[in-house]
Amino acid sequence: MFVGMPVIVRFINAFLGLDILNSIGQRNLILFISLFINVLICSYVFYIVCIEYRQSVAALGLSIVNLSKNIKQGIKRYAITLPLIILAGFVINLISSYYGQLPEMQDVVQWVLEEKSLFVLGSLIFFGIVVAPVIEEIMFRGFLQPALKNSFCGRYAIAITASLFAAVHLDIFAFLQIFILGMLLGYLYEKTQTLVASTVVHILHNSLTLVFLLYFKFFFERKNSGILAEYCQQPSMEVLQIRKGMS
């Protein structure tokens, strides 16, 4: 992301004469390149499984066996786990506040709160609740977790995958919450042997996060036009909870 984007921008400027940053905007460009990189990695995963090892996509958990049952089980487990995720966020906030370390909002959360363009906002929402959960579940639960299971037992494979899942979000303050979510997603995959339950839960989690953010954004904008800027500069406990929850 950080190395490739400037190279791509300079290449387009030099050879095509297009000022792409001004044409489509920096945030759109970042979303596009993020999507491109994720699709590229996901395609390589499919190549390894389907071409090199000659297995079907079902080996990645892409199966609709017991679809309704798995969805219900995922939602039920998520409802049980969600209070623990929220509690972990409050504990981390209390500890960080005690030591005077106020966590910053994730970029995607700040973008949602600040963005005025409906197109960019729609792109963020689509990426957050559709693209990211599906691709991440294929890569982490469908591919990485079974691969690790060849060397470790199921519990260790779930824990390692959840740790890596939390680590790639590059946010130490959100690590515990995302790790707990990752443990749940890993458990659901191990239990059902399909990505249906974990993907539905992942989409549901990100959707709830974005719904809260959009409510916060537009409700408070109507009530007080200046409060949004204030919260973006000095985020409240509620906003800090949400900025930790996105995965």
Protein backbone atom coordinates (compact mmCIF):
# COMPACT_ATOMS: atom_id res chain seq x y z
CA MET A 1 0.00 0.00 0.00
CA PHE A 2 2.44 2.63 1.19
CA VAL A 3 5.24 1.71 -1.22
CA GLY A 4 3.15 0.82 -4.22
CA MET A 5 0.70 3.73 -4.30
CA PRO A 6 3.26 6.53 -4.85
CA VAL A 7 4.94 4.40 -7.55
CA ILE A 8 1.63 3.83 -9.35
CA VAL A 9 0.69 7.52 -9.10
CA ARG A 10 4.04 8.63 -10.53
CA PHE A 11 3.87 6.03 -13.29
CA ILE A 12 0.41 7.23 -14.37
CA ASN A 13 1.48 10.88 -14.20
CA ALA A 14 4.65 10.25 -16.21
CA PHE A 15 3.33 7.96 -18.95
CA LEU A 16 -0.33 8.92 -19.23
CA GLY A 17 -0.14 12.55 -18.17
CA LEU A 18 -3.03 12.16 -15.74
CA ASP A 19 -3.14 13.77 -12.32
CA ILE A 20 -4.96 10.81 -10.85
CA LEU A 21 -5.00 12.13 -7.29
CA ASN A 22 -6.97 15.22 -8.33
CA SER A 23 -9.10 13.22 -10.78
CA ILE A 24 -10.48 10.58 -8.43
CA GLY A 25 -9.23 11.68 -5.00
CA GLN A 26 -6.70 10.18 -2.63
CA ARG A 27 -9.22 8.16 -0.64
CA ASN A 28 -10.72 6.60 -3.76
CA LEU A 29 -7.22 5.75 -4.95
CA ILE A 30 -6.34 4.12 -1.63
CA LEU A 31 -9.57 2.09 -1.73
CA PHE A 32 -8.89 1.01 -5.31
CA ILE A 33 -5.33 -0.09 -4.58
CA SER A 34 -6.44 -1.83 -1.36
CA LEU A 35 -9.06 -3.73 -3.36
CA PHE A 36 -6.53 -4.58 -6.05
CA ILE A 37 -3.97 -5.90 -3.56
CA ASN A 38 -6.56 -7.96 -1.67
CA VAL A 39 -7.98 -9.47 -4.85
CA LEU A 40 -4.44 -10.25 -6.03
CA ILE A 41 -3.58 -12.07 -2.78
CA CYS A 42 -6.92 -13.88 -2.81
CA SER A 43 -6.34 -14.95 -6.42
CA TYR A 44 -2.95 -16.36 -5.45
CA VAL A 45 -4.63 -18.34 -2.65
CA PHE A 46 -7.03 -19.82 -5.21
CA TYR A 47 -4.07 -20.64 -7.46
CA ILE A 48 -2.27 -22.51 -4.66
CA VAL A 49 -5.33 -24.52 -3.66
CA CYS A 50 -6.98 -25.17 -7.02
CA ILE A 51 -3.99 -25.37 -9.38
CA GLU A 52 -0.97 -26.45 -7.34
CA TYR A 53 -2.82 -28.81 -4.98
CA ARG A 54 -5.67 -29.65 -7.38
CA GLN A 55 -8.40 -29.23 -4.76
CA SER A 56 -11.87 -27.77 -5.16
CA VAL A 57 -12.93 -24.43 -3.69
CA ALA A 58 -14.67 -26.41 -0.96
CA ALA A 59 -11.19 -26.88 0.53
CA LEU A 60 -11.29 -23.13 1.29
CA GLY A 61 -14.62 -23.49 3.06
CA LEU A 62 -16.60 -22.17 0.10
CA SER A 63 -19.58 -24.45 0.60
CA ILE A 64 -23.25 -23.88 1.38
CA VAL A 65 -23.80 -27.16 3.22
CA ASN A 66 -26.22 -26.65 6.15
CA LEU A 67 -26.49 -22.99 5.15
CA SER A 68 -29.40 -21.96 7.39
CA LYS A 69 -28.12 -23.90 10.40
CA ASN A 70 -24.62 -22.42 10.11
CA ILE A 71 -25.92 -18.86 9.78
CA LYS A 72 -28.09 -19.26 12.87
CA GLN A 73 -25.21 -20.76 14.83
CA GLY A 74 -22.90 -17.91 13.80
CA ILE A 75 -25.37 -15.20 14.82
CA LYS A 76 -26.07 -16.94 18.14
CA ARG A 77 -22.35 -17.23 18.98
CA TYR A 78 -21.77 -13.62 17.94
CA ALA A 79 -24.56 -12.40 20.23
CA ILE A 80 -22.85 -14.23 23.11
CA THR A 81 -19.38 -12.92 22.25
CA LEU A 82 -20.27 -9.28 21.45
CA PRO A 83 -20.53 -8.18 25.13
CA LEU A 84 -17.01 -9.58 25.69
CA ILE A 85 -15.69 -7.60 22.68
CA ILE A 86 -17.32 -4.42 24.01
CA LEU A 87 -16.00 -5.06 27.53
CA ALA A 88 -12.48 -5.56 26.16
CA GLY A 89 -12.74 -2.19 24.44
CA PHE A 90 -13.76 -0.43 27.66
CA VAL A 91 -10.94 -2.09 29.59
CA ILE A 92 -8.34 -1.06 27.01
CA ASN A 93 -9.75 2.49 27.00
CA LEU A 94 -9.57 2.70 30.78
CA ILE A 95 -6.01 1.40 30.88
CA SER A 96 -4.82 3.66 28.06
CA SER A 97 -6.58 6.69 29.58
CA TYR A 98 -4.98 5.96 32.96
CA TYR A 99 -1.54 6.11 31.36
CA GLY A 100 -2.45 9.15 29.28
CA GLN A 101 -2.33 7.27 25.97
CA LEU A 102 -5.48 8.27 24.11
CA PRO A 103 -5.80 6.01 21.03
CA GLU A 104 -6.33 7.59 17.64
CA MET A 105 -9.19 6.61 15.37
CA GLN A 106 -8.57 4.19 12.54
CA ASP A 107 -8.31 5.89 9.15
CA VAL A 108 -11.47 4.24 7.84
CA VAL A 109 -13.47 5.46 10.87
CA GLN A 110 -12.17 9.01 10.49
CA TRP A 111 -12.94 8.88 6.77
CA VAL A 112 -16.56 7.87 7.45
CA LEU A 113 -16.98 10.67 9.99
CA GLU A 114 -15.38 13.35 7.82
CA GLU A 115 -16.29 12.32 4.26
CA LYS A 116 -18.79 14.53 2.41
CA SER A 117 -18.81 12.73 -0.94
CA LEU A 118 -21.64 10.18 -1.13
CA PHE A 119 -19.68 8.19 -3.73
CA VAL A 120 -16.62 7.85 -1.49
CA LEU A 121 -18.83 7.12 1.52
CA GLY A 122 -20.67 4.44 -0.44
CA SER A 123 -17.35 2.96 -1.56
CA LEU A 124 -16.14 2.85 2.05
CA ILE A 125 -19.33 1.13 3.19
CA PHE A 126 -19.23 -1.42 0.36
CA PHE A 127 -15.57 -2.18 1.00
CA GLY A 128 -16.12 -2.42 4.77
CA ILE A 129 -19.17 -4.67 4.85
CA VAL A 130 -18.77 -6.77 1.68
CA VAL A 131 -15.30 -6.85 0.16
CA ALA A 132 -13.12 -6.89 3.28
CA PRO A 133 -15.05 -9.57 5.24
CA VAL A 134 -15.30 -11.96 2.28
CA ILE A 135 -11.66 -11.65 1.22
CA GLU A 136 -10.33 -11.75 4.79
CA GLU A 137 -12.34 -14.86 5.62
CA ILE A 138 -11.03 -16.66 2.54
CA MET A 139 -7.43 -15.72 3.36
CA PHE A 140 -7.44 -16.20 7.14
CA ARG A 141 -10.03 -18.84 7.95
CA GLY A 142 -10.27 -20.65 4.61
CA PHE A 143 -6.55 -20.77 3.79
CA LEU A 144 -4.28 -19.87 6.70
CA GLN A 145 -6.05 -21.65 9.55
CA PRO A 146 -6.19 -25.09 7.85
CA ALA A 147 -2.57 -24.64 6.71
CA LEU A 148 -1.47 -23.97 10.29
CA LYS A 149 -3.53 -26.91 11.48
CA ASN A 150 -1.12 -29.19 9.58
CA SER A 151 1.61 -28.20 12.05
CA PHE A 152 -0.41 -27.35 15.18
CA CYS A 153 -3.57 -28.61 16.80
CA GLY A 154 -6.87 -26.89 16.04
CA ARG A 155 -6.78 -24.60 19.09
CA TYR A 156 -3.30 -23.29 18.36
CA ALA A 157 -4.16 -22.81 14.68
CA ILE A 158 -7.21 -20.73 15.64
CA ALA A 159 -5.20 -18.67 18.16
CA ILE A 160 -2.31 -18.00 15.75
CA THR A 161 -4.68 -17.07 12.93
CA ALA A 162 -6.64 -14.75 15.24
CA SER A 163 -3.38 -13.12 16.38
CA LEU A 164 -2.25 -12.51 12.79
CA PHE A 165 -5.75 -11.31 11.88
CA ALA A 166 -5.59 -8.73 14.69
CA ALA A 167 -1.97 -7.79 13.94
CA VAL A 168 -2.55 -6.92 10.26
CA HIS A 169 -4.94 -4.17 11.32
CA LEU A 170 -1.86 -2.35 12.70
CA ASP A 171 -3.62 -1.00 15.79
CA ILE A 172 -2.28 -2.06 19.18
CA PHE A 173 -5.26 -0.52 21.00
CA ALA A 174 -7.73 -2.56 18.93
CA PHE A 175 -5.69 -5.78 19.05
CA LEU A 176 -7.61 -7.46 21.90
CA GLN A 177 -11.04 -6.77 20.44
CA ILE A 178 -10.10 -7.96 16.97
CA PHE A 179 -8.33 -10.98 18.47
CA ILE A 180 -11.50 -12.01 20.31
CA LEU A 181 -13.50 -11.58 17.11
CA GLY A 182 -10.87 -13.62 15.25
CA MET A 183 -11.09 -16.41 17.84
CA LEU A 184 -14.87 -16.53 17.33
CA LEU A 185 -14.52 -16.59 13.53
CA GLY A 186 -11.89 -19.33 13.74
CA TYR A 187 -14.06 -21.39 16.09
CA LEU A 188 -17.04 -21.07 13.73
CA TYR A 189 -14.98 -22.23 10.79
CA GLU A 190 -13.57 -25.17 12.74
CA LYS A 191 -17.05 -26.10 13.94
CA THR A 192 -18.84 -25.86 10.58
CA GLN A 193 -15.97 -26.45 8.11
CA THR A 194 -17.43 -23.74 5.88
CA LEU A 195 -16.95 -19.97 5.67
CA VAL A 196 -20.68 -19.26 5.81
CA ALA A 197 -20.97 -18.64 9.56
CA SER A 198 -17.69 -16.74 9.94
CA THR A 199 -18.37 -14.55 6.88
CA VAL A 200 -21.90 -13.72 8.01
CA VAL A 201 -20.63 -12.80 11.48
CA HIS A 202 -17.79 -10.73 10.00
CA ILE A 203 -20.23 -8.85 7.75
CA LEU A 204 -22.65 -8.38 10.64
CA HIS A 205 -19.92 -7.03 12.93
CA ASN A 206 -18.64 -4.52 10.37
CA SER A 207 -22.20 -3.55 9.43
CA LEU A 208 -23.13 -2.78 13.04
CA THR A 209 -19.97 -0.73 13.38
CA LEU A 210 -20.74 1.29 10.25
CA VAL A 211 -24.43 1.74 11.15
CA PHE A 212 -23.39 3.20 14.51
CA LEU A 213 -20.84 5.45 12.82
CA LEU A 214 -23.33 6.70 10.23
CA TYR A 215 -25.94 7.32 12.92
CA PHE A 216 -23.36 9.20 14.95
CA LYS A 217 -22.26 11.17 11.89
CA PHE A 218 -25.65 12.27 10.56
CA PHE A 219 -27.60 12.49 13.84
CA PHE A 220 -25.07 14.78 15.49
CA GLU A 221 -24.58 16.76 12.28
CA ARG A 222 -28.27 17.63 12.35
CA LYS A 223 -28.24 18.44 16.04
CA ASN A 224 -25.04 20.43 16.08
CA SER A 225 -22.96 21.14 12.98
CA GLY A 226 -19.79 21.71 15.02
CA ILE A 227 -19.84 18.62 17.18
CA LEU A 228 -18.57 16.28 14.48
CA ALA A 229 -15.36 18.24 14.04
CA GLU A 230 -14.93 18.31 17.81
CA TYR A 231 -15.33 14.55 18.07
CA CYS A 232 -12.93 13.95 15.19
CA GLN A 233 -10.29 16.02 16.98
CA GLN A 234 -11.04 14.75 20.49
CA PRO A 235 -12.89 11.43 20.13
CA SER A 236 -15.25 10.39 22.90
CA MET A 237 -15.29 7.02 24.61
CA GLU A 238 -18.17 5.94 22.32
CA VAL A 239 -16.27 6.80 19.16
CA LEU A 240 -13.12 5.15 20.49
CA GLN A 241 -15.13 2.00 21.08
CA ILE A 242 -16.31 2.01 17.47
CA ARG A 243 -12.89 2.82 15.97
CA LYS A 244 -11.55 -0.25 17.70
CA GLY A 245 -14.32 -2.51 16.48
CA MET A 246 -13.73 -2.30 12.71
CA SER A 247 -12.01 -5.30 11.22
